[in-house]
Amino acid sequence: MPDHVFLDEMRQVLDEVYRDRETAAVRDVYSSASARLRLTADMLAHLNEIPEGGYTRRQMIKLINQVIERRHEQDTLGLIEEFHTPGSP
């Protein structure tokens, strides 16, 4: 059964970072994530594997999930689900 601490914390980080903007830099997500006590250095290292740049929330979720899959951690961590809101593409 997946340990959902990482996923829950990352969802909250993404909610905070993307609250008032369409795109965000990886460093902004990392900065917000590093302020969370429940995210370990190993968990934050996932973000270090994402190339620098600006990404939409959907793109960021896809990239984080790709890192999880590349590390073969989807069974232990799970994957971040993308929730669609009405009117979103």
C-alpha atoms as a PDB file:
ATOM      1  CA  MET A   1       0.000   0.000   0.000  1.00  0.00           C
ATOM      2  CA  PRO A   2       1.448   3.380  -0.974  1.00  0.00           C
ATOM      3  CA  ASP A   3       2.643   5.803   1.689  1.00  0.00           C
ATOM      4  CA  HIS A   4       0.635   8.896   0.834  1.00  0.00           C
ATOM      5  CA  VAL A   5       2.615  11.421   2.907  1.00  0.00           C
ATOM      6  CA  PHE A   6       4.654  12.476  -0.136  1.00  0.00           C
ATOM      7  CA  LEU A   7       1.618  12.718  -2.402  1.00  0.00           C
ATOM      8  CA  ASP A   8      -0.512  14.585   0.125  1.00  0.00           C
ATOM      9  CA  GLU A   9       2.247  17.071   0.869  1.00  0.00           C
ATOM     10  CA  MET A  10       3.069  17.585  -2.820  1.00  0.00           C
ATOM     11  CA  ARG A  11      -0.608  18.192  -3.637  1.00  0.00           C
ATOM     12  CA  GLN A  12      -0.706  20.870  -0.945  1.00  0.00           C
ATOM     13  CA  VAL A  13       2.510  22.420  -2.248  1.00  0.00           C
ATOM     14  CA  LEU A  14       1.112  22.506  -5.773  1.00  0.00           C
ATOM     15  CA  ASP A  15      -2.147  24.025  -4.492  1.00  0.00           C
ATOM     16  CA  GLU A  16      -0.161  26.799  -2.803  1.00  0.00           C
ATOM     17  CA  VAL A  17       2.221  27.481  -5.670  1.00  0.00           C
ATOM     18  CA  TYR A  18      -0.407  27.456  -8.418  1.00  0.00           C
ATOM     19  CA  ARG A  19      -3.132  29.235  -6.444  1.00  0.00           C
ATOM     20  CA  ASP A  20      -2.709  32.577  -8.225  1.00  0.00           C
ATOM     21  CA  ARG A  21      -0.755  31.695 -11.361  1.00  0.00           C
ATOM     22  CA  GLU A  22      -0.827  29.500 -14.434  1.00  0.00           C
ATOM     23  CA  THR A  23       2.876  28.613 -14.524  1.00  0.00           C
ATOM     24  CA  ALA A  24       5.589  28.276 -11.916  1.00  0.00           C
ATOM     25  CA  ALA A  25       9.290  27.535 -11.914  1.00  0.00           C
ATOM     26  CA  VAL A  26      10.590  24.319 -10.397  1.00  0.00           C
ATOM     27  CA  ARG A  27      12.541  26.421  -7.880  1.00  0.00           C
ATOM     28  CA  ASP A  28       9.253  27.934  -6.641  1.00  0.00           C
ATOM     29  CA  VAL A  29       7.788  24.476  -6.094  1.00  0.00           C
ATOM     30  CA  TYR A  30      11.014  23.325  -4.400  1.00  0.00           C
ATOM     31  CA  SER A  31      11.064  26.389  -2.145  1.00  0.00           C
ATOM     32  CA  SER A  32       7.498  25.785  -1.012  1.00  0.00           C
ATOM     33  CA  ALA A  33       8.117  22.054  -0.589  1.00  0.00           C
ATOM     34  CA  SER A  34      11.301  22.555   1.442  1.00  0.00           C
ATOM     35  CA  ALA A  35       9.328  24.541   4.033  1.00  0.00           C
ATOM     36  CA  ARG A  36       7.270  21.434   4.845  1.00  0.00           C
ATOM     37  CA  LEU A  37       8.508  19.360   7.739  1.00  0.00           C
ATOM     38  CA  ARG A  38       6.982  16.126   6.496  1.00  0.00           C
ATOM     39  CA  LEU A  39       8.918  16.142   3.207  1.00  0.00           C
ATOM     40  CA  THR A  40      12.333  14.542   3.663  1.00  0.00           C
ATOM     41  CA  ALA A  41      15.464  15.438   1.690  1.00  0.00           C
ATOM     42  CA  ASP A  42      14.977  12.270  -0.359  1.00  0.00           C
ATOM     43  CA  MET A  43      11.456  13.334  -1.231  1.00  0.00           C
ATOM     44  CA  LEU A  44      12.660  16.813  -2.217  1.00  0.00           C
ATOM     45  CA  ALA A  45      15.304  15.205  -4.430  1.00  0.00           C
ATOM     46  CA  HIS A  46      12.487  14.220  -6.797  1.00  0.00           C
ATOM     47  CA  LEU A  47      12.110  17.895  -7.686  1.00  0.00           C
ATOM     48  CA  ASN A  48      15.834  18.183  -8.405  1.00  0.00           C
ATOM     49  CA  GLU A  49      15.380  15.718 -11.268  1.00  0.00           C
ATOM     50  CA  ILE A  50      12.983  18.061 -13.083  1.00  0.00           C
ATOM     51  CA  PRO A  51      14.671  20.408 -15.590  1.00  0.00           C
ATOM     52  CA  GLU A  52      14.578  24.097 -14.701  1.00  0.00           C
ATOM     53  CA  GLY A  53      11.813  26.008 -16.363  1.00  0.00           C
ATOM     54  CA  GLY A  54       8.280  27.218 -16.009  1.00  0.00           C
ATOM     55  CA  TYR A  55       5.515  24.631 -16.007  1.00  0.00           C
ATOM     56  CA  THR A  56       1.759  24.546 -15.668  1.00  0.00           C
ATOM     57  CA  ARG A  57       0.347  22.534 -12.801  1.00  0.00           C
ATOM     58  CA  ARG A  58      -0.588  19.730 -15.192  1.00  0.00           C
ATOM     59  CA  GLN A  59       2.951  19.635 -16.611  1.00  0.00           C
ATOM     60  CA  MET A  60       4.495  19.663 -13.129  1.00  0.00           C
ATOM     61  CA  ILE A  61       2.326  16.748 -12.012  1.00  0.00           C
ATOM     62  CA  LYS A  62       3.323  14.816 -15.125  1.00  0.00           C
ATOM     63  CA  LEU A  63       7.016  15.498 -14.508  1.00  0.00           C
ATOM     64  CA  ILE A  64       6.858  14.525 -10.826  1.00  0.00           C
ATOM     65  CA  ASN A  65       5.047  11.307 -11.755  1.00  0.00           C
ATOM     66  CA  GLN A  66       7.707  10.568 -14.390  1.00  0.00           C
ATOM     67  CA  VAL A  67      10.426  10.912 -11.747  1.00  0.00           C
ATOM     68  CA  ILE A  68       8.519   8.549  -9.433  1.00  0.00           C
ATOM     69  CA  GLU A  69       8.131   6.028 -12.256  1.00  0.00           C
ATOM     70  CA  ARG A  70      11.769   6.361 -13.345  1.00  0.00           C
ATOM     71  CA  ARG A  71      12.772   5.572  -9.759  1.00  0.00           C
ATOM     72  CA  HIS A  72      10.304   2.640  -9.710  1.00  0.00           C
ATOM     73  CA  GLU A  73       8.601   4.099  -6.624  1.00  0.00           C
ATOM     74  CA  GLN A  74       5.022   4.138  -7.895  1.00  0.00           C
ATOM     75  CA  ASP A  75       4.128   1.121  -5.723  1.00  0.00           C
ATOM     76  CA  THR A  76       5.515   2.701  -2.551  1.00  0.00           C
ATOM     77  CA  LEU A  77       4.717   6.386  -3.152  1.00  0.00           C
ATOM     78  CA  GLY A  78       1.899   6.187  -5.660  1.00  0.00           C
ATOM     79  CA  LEU A  79       1.348   8.830  -8.324  1.00  0.00           C
ATOM     80  CA  ILE A  80      -0.170  12.286  -8.079  1.00  0.00           C
ATOM     81  CA  GLU A  81      -3.636  12.272  -9.579  1.00  0.00           C
ATOM     82  CA  GLU A  82      -4.618  15.206 -11.695  1.00  0.00           C
ATOM     83  CA  PHE A  83      -8.012  16.542 -10.794  1.00  0.00           C
ATOM     84  CA  HIS A  84      -9.900  18.297 -13.553  1.00  0.00           C
ATOM     85  CA  THR A  85     -12.062  21.236 -12.692  1.00  0.00           C
ATOM     86  CA  PRO A  86     -15.059  22.191 -14.827  1.00  0.00           C
ATOM     87  CA  GLY A  87     -13.963  24.346 -17.730  1.00  0.00           C
ATOM     88  CA  SER A  88     -10.342  23.180 -17.634  1.00  0.00           C
ATOM     89  CA  PRO A  89      -8.788  21.708 -20.778  1.00  0.00           C
END
